[in-house]
PDB file of N, CA and C in Angstrom:
ATOM      1  N   MET A   1       0.646  -1.376  -0.017  1.00  0.00           N
ATOM      2  CA  MET A   1       0.052   0.126  -0.023  1.00  0.00           C
ATOM      3  C   MET A   1       0.645   1.354  -0.074  1.00  0.00           C
ATOM      4  N   GLU A   2       1.629   1.307   0.677  1.00  0.00           N
ATOM      5  CA  GLU A   2       3.006   2.531   0.793  1.00  0.00           C
ATOM      6  C   GLU A   2       3.488   2.400  -0.517  1.00  0.00           C
ATOM      7  N   LEU A   3       4.185   1.279  -1.261  1.00  0.00           N
ATOM      8  CA  LEU A   3       4.709   1.130  -2.188  1.00  0.00           C
ATOM      9  C   LEU A   3       3.844   2.513  -3.320  1.00  0.00           C
ATOM     10  N   ARG A   4       2.643   1.675  -3.529  1.00  0.00           N
ATOM     11  CA  ARG A   4       1.298   1.945  -4.310  1.00  0.00           C
ATOM     12  C   ARG A   4       1.456   3.811  -4.015  1.00  0.00           C
ATOM     13  N   ARG A   5       1.115   4.299  -2.866  1.00  0.00           N
ATOM     14  CA  ARG A   5       1.229   6.022  -2.869  1.00  0.00           C
ATOM     15  C   ARG A   5       1.950   6.553  -2.963  1.00  0.00           C
ATOM     16  N   ALA A   6       3.633   6.194  -2.843  1.00  0.00           N
ATOM     17  CA  ALA A   6       4.471   6.558  -3.266  1.00  0.00           C
ATOM     18  C   ALA A   6       4.930   6.466  -4.739  1.00  0.00           C
ATOM     19  N   ALA A   7       4.224   5.928  -5.002  1.00  0.00           N
ATOM     20  CA  ALA A   7       4.822   5.904  -6.674  1.00  0.00           C
ATOM     21  C   ALA A   7       3.982   6.985  -7.310  1.00  0.00           C
ATOM     22  N   LEU A   8       2.372   6.995  -6.703  1.00  0.00           N
ATOM     23  CA  LEU A   8       1.281   7.757  -7.101  1.00  0.00           C
ATOM     24  C   LEU A   8       2.084   9.518  -6.766  1.00  0.00           C
ATOM     25  N   LEU A   9       2.172   9.461  -5.604  1.00  0.00           N
ATOM     26  CA  LEU A   9       3.114  10.550  -5.553  1.00  0.00           C
ATOM     27  C   LEU A   9       4.214  11.180  -6.666  1.00  0.00           C
ATOM     28  N   VAL A  10       5.104   9.999  -6.522  1.00  0.00           N
ATOM     29  CA  VAL A  10       6.014  10.644  -7.339  1.00  0.00           C
ATOM     30  C   VAL A  10       5.526  10.896  -9.045  1.00  0.00           C
ATOM     31  N   ALA A  11       4.259   9.770  -9.343  1.00  0.00           N
ATOM     32  CA  ALA A  11       3.959  10.609 -10.546  1.00  0.00           C
ATOM     33  C   ALA A  11       3.334  11.910 -11.068  1.00  0.00           C
ATOM     34  N   ALA A  12       3.008  11.764  -9.339  1.00  0.00           N
ATOM     35  CA  ALA A  12       1.577  13.472  -9.513  1.00  0.00           C
ATOM     36  C   ALA A  12       2.814  14.603  -9.458  1.00  0.00           C
ATOM     37  N   VAL A  13       3.828  14.205  -9.277  1.00  0.00           N
ATOM     38  CA  VAL A  13       4.753  14.962  -9.015  1.00  0.00           C
ATOM     39  C   VAL A  13       5.747  15.530 -10.246  1.00  0.00           C
ATOM     40  N   LEU A  14       5.728  14.609 -10.984  1.00  0.00           N
ATOM     41  CA  LEU A  14       6.066  14.679 -12.499  1.00  0.00           C
ATOM     42  C   LEU A  14       5.745  14.562 -13.208  1.00  0.00           C
ATOM     43  N   TRP A  15       4.143  14.935 -13.281  1.00  0.00           N
ATOM     44  CA  TRP A  15       3.035  14.631 -14.205  1.00  0.00           C
ATOM     45  C   TRP A  15       3.106  16.399 -13.836  1.00  0.00           C
ATOM     46  N   GLY A  16       2.737  17.179 -12.827  1.00  0.00           N
ATOM     47  CA  GLY A  16       2.498  18.506 -12.493  1.00  0.00           C
ATOM     48  C   GLY A  16       3.652  19.092 -13.264  1.00  0.00           C
ATOM     49  N   GLY A  17       4.888  18.715 -12.900  1.00  0.00           N
ATOM     50  CA  GLY A  17       5.938  19.929 -12.957  1.00  0.00           C
ATOM     51  C   GLY A  17       6.676  19.501 -14.470  1.00  0.00           C
ATOM     52  N   ALA A  18       5.747  18.437 -15.427  1.00  0.00           N
ATOM     53  CA  ALA A  18       6.738  18.773 -16.462  1.00  0.00           C
ATOM     54  C   ALA A  18       6.503  19.937 -17.338  1.00  0.00           C
ATOM     55  N   GLY A  19       4.907  21.059 -16.943  1.00  0.00           N
ATOM     56  CA  GLY A  19       4.993  21.861 -17.788  1.00  0.00           C
ATOM     57  C   GLY A  19       5.993  22.946 -17.806  1.00  0.00           C
ATOM     58  N   ALA A  20       6.174  23.210 -16.347  1.00  0.00           N
ATOM     59  CA  ALA A  20       7.145  23.970 -15.905  1.00  0.00           C
ATOM     60  C   ALA A  20       8.654  24.040 -15.942  1.00  0.00           C
ATOM     61  N   VAL A  21       9.004  22.947 -16.690  1.00  0.00           N
ATOM     62  CA  VAL A  21      10.306  22.571 -16.758  1.00  0.00           C
ATOM     63  C   VAL A  21      11.188  23.483 -18.075  1.00  0.00           C
ATOM     64  N   GLY A  22       9.921  23.122 -19.387  1.00  0.00           N
ATOM     65  CA  GLY A  22      10.212  24.102 -20.326  1.00  0.00           C
ATOM     66  C   GLY A  22      10.343  26.083 -19.826  1.00  0.00           C
ATOM     67  N   ALA A  23       9.950  25.925 -18.682  1.00  0.00           N
ATOM     68  CA  ALA A  23       9.752  27.713 -18.105  1.00  0.00           C
ATOM     69  C   ALA A  23      10.591  27.906 -17.360  1.00  0.00           C
ATOM     70  N   GLY A  24      11.401  26.861 -17.189  1.00  0.00           N
ATOM     71  CA  GLY A  24      12.961  27.633 -16.428  1.00  0.00           C
ATOM     72  C   GLY A  24      12.484  26.826 -14.669  1.00  0.00           C
ATOM     73  N   ARG A  25      10.804  27.212 -14.157  1.00  0.00           N
ATOM     74  CA  ARG A  25      11.069  26.658 -12.660  1.00  0.00           C
ATOM     75  C   ARG A  25       9.552  26.896 -12.902  1.00  0.00           C
ATOM     76  N   ALA A  26       9.544  25.752 -11.537  1.00  0.00           N
ATOM     77  CA  ALA A  26       7.694  25.542 -10.971  1.00  0.00           C
ATOM     78  C   ALA A  26       7.238  26.183 -10.911  1.00  0.00           C
ATOM     79  N   GLY A  27       6.115  26.218 -11.521  1.00  0.00           N
ATOM     80  CA  GLY A  27       5.183  27.810 -11.317  1.00  0.00           C
ATOM     81  C   GLY A  27       5.031  28.570 -11.893  1.00  0.00           C
ATOM     82  N   ALA A  28       6.126  28.387 -13.017  1.00  0.00           N
ATOM     83  CA  ALA A  28       6.360  30.227 -13.984  1.00  0.00           C
ATOM     84  C   ALA A  28       5.300  29.847 -14.319  1.00  0.00           C
ATOM     85  N   PRO A  29       4.820  31.155 -15.084  1.00  0.00           N
ATOM     86  CA  PRO A  29       3.498  31.264 -15.707  1.00  0.00           C
ATOM     87  C   PRO A  29       3.598  31.481 -17.049  1.00  0.00           C
ATOM     88  N   ALA A  30       2.999  31.028 -18.401  1.00  0.00           N
ATOM     89  CA  ALA A  30       3.400  30.894 -19.460  1.00  0.00           C
ATOM     90  C   ALA A  30       4.234  32.352 -20.119  1.00  0.00           C
ATOM     91  N   VAL A  31       4.922  32.346 -21.234  1.00  0.00           N
ATOM     92  CA  VAL A  31       5.128  32.744 -21.936  1.00  0.00           C
ATOM     93  C   VAL A  31       4.098  34.109 -22.621  1.00  0.00           C
ATOM     94  N   GLY A  32       3.458  35.431 -22.129  1.00  0.00           N
ATOM     95  CA  GLY A  32       2.539  35.777 -22.103  1.00  0.00           C
ATOM     96  C   GLY A  32       1.535  35.973 -21.638  1.00  0.00           C
ATOM     97  N   ASP A  33       1.511  35.493 -20.235  1.00  0.00           N
ATOM     98  CA  ASP A  33       0.475  35.533 -19.087  1.00  0.00           C
ATOM     99  C   ASP A  33       1.584  36.339 -18.040  1.00  0.00           C
ATOM    100  N   LEU A  34       0.279  36.933 -17.857  1.00  0.00           N
ATOM    101  CA  LEU A  34       0.512  38.253 -16.256  1.00  0.00           C
ATOM    102  C   LEU A  34       1.063  37.162 -15.426  1.00  0.00           C
ATOM    103  N   GLY A  35       0.771  36.300 -14.584  1.00  0.00           N
ATOM    104  CA  GLY A  35       1.250  35.682 -13.492  1.00  0.00           C
ATOM    105  C   GLY A  35       0.937  36.737 -12.304  1.00  0.00           C
ATOM    106  N   GLY A  36       0.684  35.518 -11.286  1.00  0.00           N
ATOM    107  CA  GLY A  36       0.476  36.377 -10.299  1.00  0.00           C
ATOM    108  C   GLY A  36       1.278  37.181  -8.730  1.00  0.00           C
ATOM    109  N   THR A  37       2.464  36.599  -9.734  1.00  0.00           N
ATOM    110  CA  THR A  37       3.873  36.690  -8.027  1.00  0.00           C
ATOM    111  C   THR A  37       4.161  38.308  -8.718  1.00  0.00           C
ATOM    112  N   VAL A  38       4.323  38.809  -7.298  1.00  0.00           N
ATOM    113  CA  VAL A  38       5.464  40.405  -7.831  1.00  0.00           C
ATOM    114  C   VAL A  38       6.555  39.765  -6.745  1.00  0.00           C
ATOM    115  N   HIS A  39       7.441  40.220  -7.733  1.00  0.00           N
ATOM    116  CA  HIS A  39       8.770  40.484  -7.088  1.00  0.00           C
ATOM    117  C   HIS A  39       9.544  41.332  -6.493  1.00  0.00           C
ATOM    118  N   VAL A  40       9.738  41.593  -5.135  1.00  0.00           N
ATOM    119  CA  VAL A  40      10.373  42.776  -4.488  1.00  0.00           C
ATOM    120  C   VAL A  40      11.946  42.727  -4.491  1.00  0.00           C
ATOM    121  N   HIS A  41      12.767  43.631  -5.009  1.00  0.00           N
ATOM    122  CA  HIS A  41      13.933  43.259  -4.798  1.00  0.00           C
ATOM    123  C   HIS A  41      14.569  44.496  -4.117  1.00  0.00           C
ATOM    124  N   LEU A  42      14.895  44.829  -3.191  1.00  0.00           N
ATOM    125  CA  LEU A  42      15.864  46.060  -2.588  1.00  0.00           C
ATOM    126  C   LEU A  42      17.037  45.689  -3.003  1.00  0.00           C
ATOM    127  N   GLU A  43      17.668  47.423  -3.083  1.00  0.00           N
ATOM    128  CA  GLU A  43      18.733  47.849  -3.654  1.00  0.00           C
ATOM    129  C   GLU A  43      19.393  47.331  -2.772  1.00  0.00           C
ATOM    130  N   GLU A  44      21.098  47.382  -2.551  1.00  0.00           N
ATOM    131  CA  GLU A  44      21.782  46.969  -2.078  1.00  0.00           C
ATOM    132  C   GLU A  44      22.084  48.114  -1.409  1.00  0.00           C
ATOM    133  N   GLY A  45      22.241  48.357   0.102  1.00  0.00           N
ATOM    134  CA  GLY A  45      22.196  49.011   0.946  1.00  0.00           C
ATOM    135  C   GLY A  45      20.840  49.763   1.712  1.00  0.00           C
ATOM    136  N   ALA A  46      20.078  49.398   0.994  1.00  0.00           N
ATOM    137  CA  ALA A  46      18.715  49.920   0.942  1.00  0.00           C
ATOM    138  C   ALA A  46      17.820  49.421   2.284  1.00  0.00           C
ATOM    139  N   ALA A  47      17.446  50.529   3.594  1.00  0.00           N
ATOM    140  CA  ALA A  47      17.231  50.227   4.728  1.00  0.00           C
ATOM    141  C   ALA A  47      15.833  49.406   4.551  1.00  0.00           C
ATOM    142  N   ASP A  48      15.845  47.905   5.400  1.00  0.00           N
ATOM    143  CA  ASP A  48      14.411  47.234   5.527  1.00  0.00           C
ATOM    144  C   ASP A  48      13.367  48.477   6.270  1.00  0.00           C
ATOM    145  N   PRO A  49      12.487  48.637   5.476  1.00  0.00           N
ATOM    146  CA  PRO A  49      11.472  49.538   6.026  1.00  0.00           C
ATOM    147  C   PRO A  49      11.070  49.280   7.488  1.00  0.00           C
ATOM    148  N   VAL A  50      10.851  47.275   7.698  1.00  0.00           N
ATOM    149  CA  VAL A  50      10.356  47.319   8.857  1.00  0.00           C
ATOM    150  C   VAL A  50      11.071  47.805   9.909  1.00  0.00           C
ATOM    151  N   ASP A  51      12.801  47.084  10.015  1.00  0.00           N
ATOM    152  CA  ASP A  51      13.269  48.275  10.608  1.00  0.00           C
ATOM    153  C   ASP A  51      13.631  49.691  11.107  1.00  0.00           C
ATOM    154  N   ALA A  52      13.435  50.255   9.915  1.00  0.00           N
ATOM    155  CA  ALA A  52      13.435  51.571   9.942  1.00  0.00           C
ATOM    156  C   ALA A  52      12.356  52.171  10.777  1.00  0.00           C
ATOM    157  N   TRP A  53      10.872  51.690  10.495  1.00  0.00           N
ATOM    158  CA  TRP A  53       9.747  51.693  11.371  1.00  0.00           C
ATOM    159  C   TRP A  53       9.944  51.666  12.767  1.00  0.00           C
ATOM    160  N   ARG A  54      10.499  50.671  13.405  1.00  0.00           N
ATOM    161  CA  ARG A  54      10.970  50.125  14.602  1.00  0.00           C
ATOM    162  C   ARG A  54      12.037  51.139  15.131  1.00  0.00           C
ATOM    163  N   ALA A  55      12.763  51.768  14.498  1.00  0.00           N
ATOM    164  CA  ALA A  55      14.174  52.605  15.119  1.00  0.00           C
ATOM    165  C   ALA A  55      13.244  53.560  15.278  1.00  0.00           C
ATOM    166  N   GLN A  56      12.293  53.857  14.122  1.00  0.00           N
ATOM    167  CA  GLN A  56      11.358  55.500  14.562  1.00  0.00           C
ATOM    168  C   GLN A  56      10.939  55.214  15.929  1.00  0.00           C
ATOM    169  N   ARG A  57       9.818  54.031  15.783  1.00  0.00           N
ATOM    170  CA  ARG A  57       9.175  53.904  17.229  1.00  0.00           C
ATOM    171  C   ARG A  57       9.604  54.103  18.746  1.00  0.00           C
ATOM    172  N   ASP A  58      10.842  53.266  18.469  1.00  0.00           N
ATOM    173  CA  ASP A  58      12.006  53.038  19.743  1.00  0.00           C
ATOM    174  C   ASP A  58      12.471  54.648  19.807  1.00  0.00           C
ATOM    175  N   ASN A  59      12.937  55.487  18.929  1.00  0.00           N
ATOM    176  CA  ASN A  59      13.360  56.514  19.319  1.00  0.00           C
ATOM    177  C   ASN A  59      12.008  57.645  20.182  1.00  0.00           C
ATOM    178  N   LEU A  60      11.025  57.777  19.244  1.00  0.00           N
ATOM    179  CA  LEU A  60       9.632  58.382  19.723  1.00  0.00           C
ATOM    180  C   LEU A  60       9.955  57.609  21.190  1.00  0.00           C
ATOM    181  N   ALA A  61       9.551  56.622  21.482  1.00  0.00           N
ATOM    182  CA  ALA A  61       9.666  56.482  22.924  1.00  0.00           C
ATOM    183  C   ALA A  61      10.496  56.835  23.852  1.00  0.00           C
ATOM    184  N   GLU A  62      11.846  56.219  23.766  1.00  0.00           N
ATOM    185  CA  GLU A  62      13.166  56.958  23.840  1.00  0.00           C
ATOM    186  C   GLU A  62      13.029  58.630  24.447  1.00  0.00           C
ATOM    187  N   GLY A  63      12.250  59.181  23.283  1.00  0.00           N
ATOM    188  CA  GLY A  63      12.373  60.689  23.577  1.00  0.00           C
ATOM    189  C   GLY A  63      11.097  61.067  24.490  1.00  0.00           C
ATOM    190  N   ARG A  64      10.035  60.496  24.793  1.00  0.00           N
ATOM    191  CA  ARG A  64       8.833  60.306  25.619  1.00  0.00           C
ATOM    192  C   ARG A  64       9.110  60.174  27.255  1.00  0.00           C
ATOM    193  N   ARG A  65       9.995  59.571  27.450  1.00  0.00           N
ATOM    194  CA  ARG A  65      10.909  58.812  28.229  1.00  0.00           C
ATOM    195  C   ARG A  65      11.642  60.088  28.813  1.00  0.00           C
ATOM    196  N   ILE A  66      12.548  60.530  28.593  1.00  0.00           N
ATOM    197  CA  ILE A  66      13.499  61.653  28.236  1.00  0.00           C
ATOM    198  C   ILE A  66      12.734  62.472  28.738  1.00  0.00           C
ATOM    199  N   ALA A  67      11.679  63.040  28.270  1.00  0.00           N
ATOM    200  CA  ALA A  67      10.415  64.135  28.377  1.00  0.00           C
ATOM    201  C   ALA A  67      10.123  63.618  30.232  1.00  0.00           C
ATOM    202  N   GLU A  68       9.726  62.443  30.189  1.00  0.00           N
ATOM    203  CA  GLU A  68       9.157  62.522  31.785  1.00  0.00           C
ATOM    204  C   GLU A  68       9.790  62.782  32.995  1.00  0.00           C
ATOM    205  N   LEU A  69      11.286  61.927  32.048  1.00  0.00           N
ATOM    206  CA  LEU A  69      12.569  62.103  33.573  1.00  0.00           C
ATOM    207  C   LEU A  69      12.386  63.703  33.890  1.00  0.00           C
ATOM    208  N   ASP A  70      12.492  64.838  32.502  1.00  0.00           N
ATOM    209  CA  ASP A  70      12.864  65.897  33.069  1.00  0.00           C
ATOM    210  C   ASP A  70      11.839  66.484  33.422  1.00  0.00           C
ATOM    211  N   TYR A  71      10.589  66.202  33.266  1.00  0.00           N
ATOM    212  CA  TYR A  71       9.679  66.610  34.077  1.00  0.00           C
ATOM    213  C   TYR A  71       9.844  66.447  35.381  1.00  0.00           C
ATOM    214  N   LYS A  72       9.770  65.218  35.729  1.00  0.00           N
ATOM    215  CA  LYS A  72       9.424  64.978  37.307  1.00  0.00           C
ATOM    216  C   LYS A  72      10.601  65.206  38.048  1.00  0.00           C
ATOM    217  N   SER A  73      12.007  65.603  37.420  1.00  0.00           N
ATOM    218  CA  SER A  73      13.247  66.014  37.413  1.00  0.00           C
ATOM    219  C   SER A  73      12.857  67.383  38.123  1.00  0.00           C
ATOM    220  N   ALA A  74      12.147  67.916  37.295  1.00  0.00           N
ATOM    221  CA  ALA A  74      12.277  69.669  37.659  1.00  0.00           C
ATOM    222  C   ALA A  74      10.877  69.729  38.608  1.00  0.00           C
ATOM    223  N   ARG A  75      10.141  68.653  38.586  1.00  0.00           N
ATOM    224  CA  ARG A  75       8.984  68.801  39.583  1.00  0.00           C
ATOM    225  C   ARG A  75       9.829  68.667  41.244  1.00  0.00           C
ATOM    226  N   ALA A  76      10.551  67.588  41.369  1.00  0.00           N
ATOM    227  CA  ALA A  76      10.923  67.169  42.539  1.00  0.00           C
ATOM    228  C   ALA A  76      12.349  68.469  42.825  1.00  0.00           C
ATOM    229  N   ARG A  77      13.095  68.940  41.905  1.00  0.00           N
ATOM    230  CA  ARG A  77      13.502  69.853  42.318  1.00  0.00           C
ATOM    231  C   ARG A  77      13.052  71.482  42.807  1.00  0.00           C
ATOM    232  N   SER A  78      11.959  71.342  42.264  1.00  0.00           N
ATOM    233  CA  SER A  78      11.010  72.246  42.538  1.00  0.00           C
ATOM    234  C   SER A  78      10.363  72.371  44.412  1.00  0.00           C
ATOM    235  N   ALA A  79      10.264  70.854  44.311  1.00  0.00           N
ATOM    236  CA  ALA A  79       9.831  71.049  45.608  1.00  0.00           C
ATOM    237  C   ALA A  79      10.599  70.815  47.041  1.00  0.00           C
ATOM    238  N   ILE A  80      12.297  70.488  46.095  1.00  0.00           N
ATOM    239  CA  ILE A  80      13.353  70.397  47.380  1.00  0.00           C
ATOM    240  C   ILE A  80      13.724  72.352  47.802  1.00  0.00           C
ATOM    241  N   GLU A  81      13.209  72.832  46.545  1.00  0.00           N
ATOM    242  CA  GLU A  81      13.914  74.150  46.559  1.00  0.00           C
ATOM    243  C   GLU A  81      12.304  75.142  47.493  1.00  0.00           C
ATOM    244  N   ALA A  82      11.302  74.487  47.110  1.00  0.00           N
ATOM    245  CA  ALA A  82      10.474  75.446  48.116  1.00  0.00           C
ATOM    246  C   ALA A  82      10.657  74.472  50.009  1.00  0.00           C
ATOM    247  N   SER A  83      11.088  73.554  50.070  1.00  0.00           N
ATOM    248  CA  SER A  83      11.303  73.174  51.118  1.00  0.00           C
ATOM    249  C   SER A  83      12.250  73.955  51.984  1.00  0.00           C
ATOM    250  N   PHE A  84      13.397  73.988  51.312  1.00  0.00           N
ATOM    251  CA  PHE A  84      14.752  74.874  51.522  1.00  0.00           C
ATOM    252  C   PHE A  84      13.851  76.323  51.907  1.00  0.00           C
ATOM    253  N   ALA A  85      13.308  76.436  51.460  1.00  0.00           N
ATOM    254  CA  ALA A  85      12.578  78.147  51.353  1.00  0.00           C
ATOM    255  C   ALA A  85      11.566  78.281  52.515  1.00  0.00           C
ATOM    256  N   ALA A  86      11.186  77.253  53.132  1.00  0.00           N
ATOM    257  CA  ALA A  86      10.373  77.615  53.810  1.00  0.00           C
ATOM    258  C   ALA A  86      11.075  77.025  55.285  1.00  0.00           C
ATOM    259  N   VAL A  87      12.459  76.610  55.337  1.00  0.00           N
ATOM    260  CA  VAL A  87      13.393  76.419  55.967  1.00  0.00           C
ATOM    261  C   VAL A  87      13.823  77.144  56.631  1.00  0.00           C
ATOM    262  N   GLU A  88      14.743  78.124  55.446  1.00  0.00           N
ATOM    263  CA  GLU A  88      14.929  79.764  55.612  1.00  0.00           C
ATOM    264  C   GLU A  88      14.484  80.546  56.394  1.00  0.00           C
ATOM    265  N   ALA A  89      12.982  80.602  55.328  1.00  0.00           N
ATOM    266  CA  ALA A  89      11.668  81.842  56.065  1.00  0.00           C
ATOM    267  C   ALA A  89      11.768  81.503  57.464  1.00  0.00           C
ATOM    268  N   ARG A  90      11.776  80.348  58.025  1.00  0.00           N
ATOM    269  CA  ARG A  90      11.487  79.624  59.545  1.00  0.00           C
ATOM    270  C   ARG A  90      13.148  80.731  60.227  1.00  0.00           C
ATOM    271  N   LEU A  91      13.556  80.203  60.222  1.00  0.00           N
ATOM    272  CA  LEU A  91      15.339  80.675  60.237  1.00  0.00           C
ATOM    273  C   LEU A  91      15.131  81.977  60.745  1.00  0.00           C
ATOM    274  N   ARG A  92      14.773  82.855  59.361  1.00  0.00           N
ATOM    275  CA  ARG A  92      14.613  84.597  59.445  1.00  0.00           C
ATOM    276  C   ARG A  92      13.663  84.728  60.797  1.00  0.00           C
ATOM    277  N   GLY A  93      12.561  83.983  60.879  1.00  0.00           N
ATOM    278  CA  GLY A  93      11.386  84.361  60.949  1.00  0.00           C
ATOM    279  C   GLY A  93      10.110  85.273  60.306  1.00  0.00           C
ATOM    280  N   ASP A  94      10.840  84.931  59.055  1.00  0.00           N
ATOM    281  CA  ASP A  94       9.413  85.247  58.656  1.00  0.00           C
ATOM    282  C   ASP A  94       7.909  85.151  58.796  1.00  0.00           C
ATOM    283  N   PRO A  95       7.173  86.353  59.051  1.00  0.00           N
ATOM    284  CA  PRO A  95       5.860  85.595  59.569  1.00  0.00           C
ATOM    285  C   PRO A  95       4.924  85.208  58.526  1.00  0.00           C
ATOM    286  N   ARG A  96       5.164  84.747  57.718  1.00  0.00           N
ATOM    287  CA  ARG A  96       4.304  84.479  55.929  1.00  0.00           C
ATOM    288  C   ARG A  96       4.613  82.336  56.514  1.00  0.00           C
ATOM    289  N   ARG A  97       5.332  82.142  57.116  1.00  0.00           N
ATOM    290  CA  ARG A  97       5.903  80.650  57.296  1.00  0.00           C
ATOM    291  C   ARG A  97       5.614  80.164  58.312  1.00  0.00           C
TER     292      ARG A  97
END
């Protein structure tokens, strides 16, 4: 049974691929046919668009993170300066504090 199945598989492959042998490769369209495959070739040195998109996304995320850290740092600096000002005012006896 297995031998028969293998023989049928070989026959099907040979019969199905016989028409493409003259064309040069299996599945190639006949001469004059439009075909359904689009081949895309990137030039040498051209960046991969997906990698470029990921790099841009990473740069934007890094920029947001840096801005967030700057904002938090400025708020912390402001809170520390306000605390120092309150202590100095208390030491001088400023009635506002």
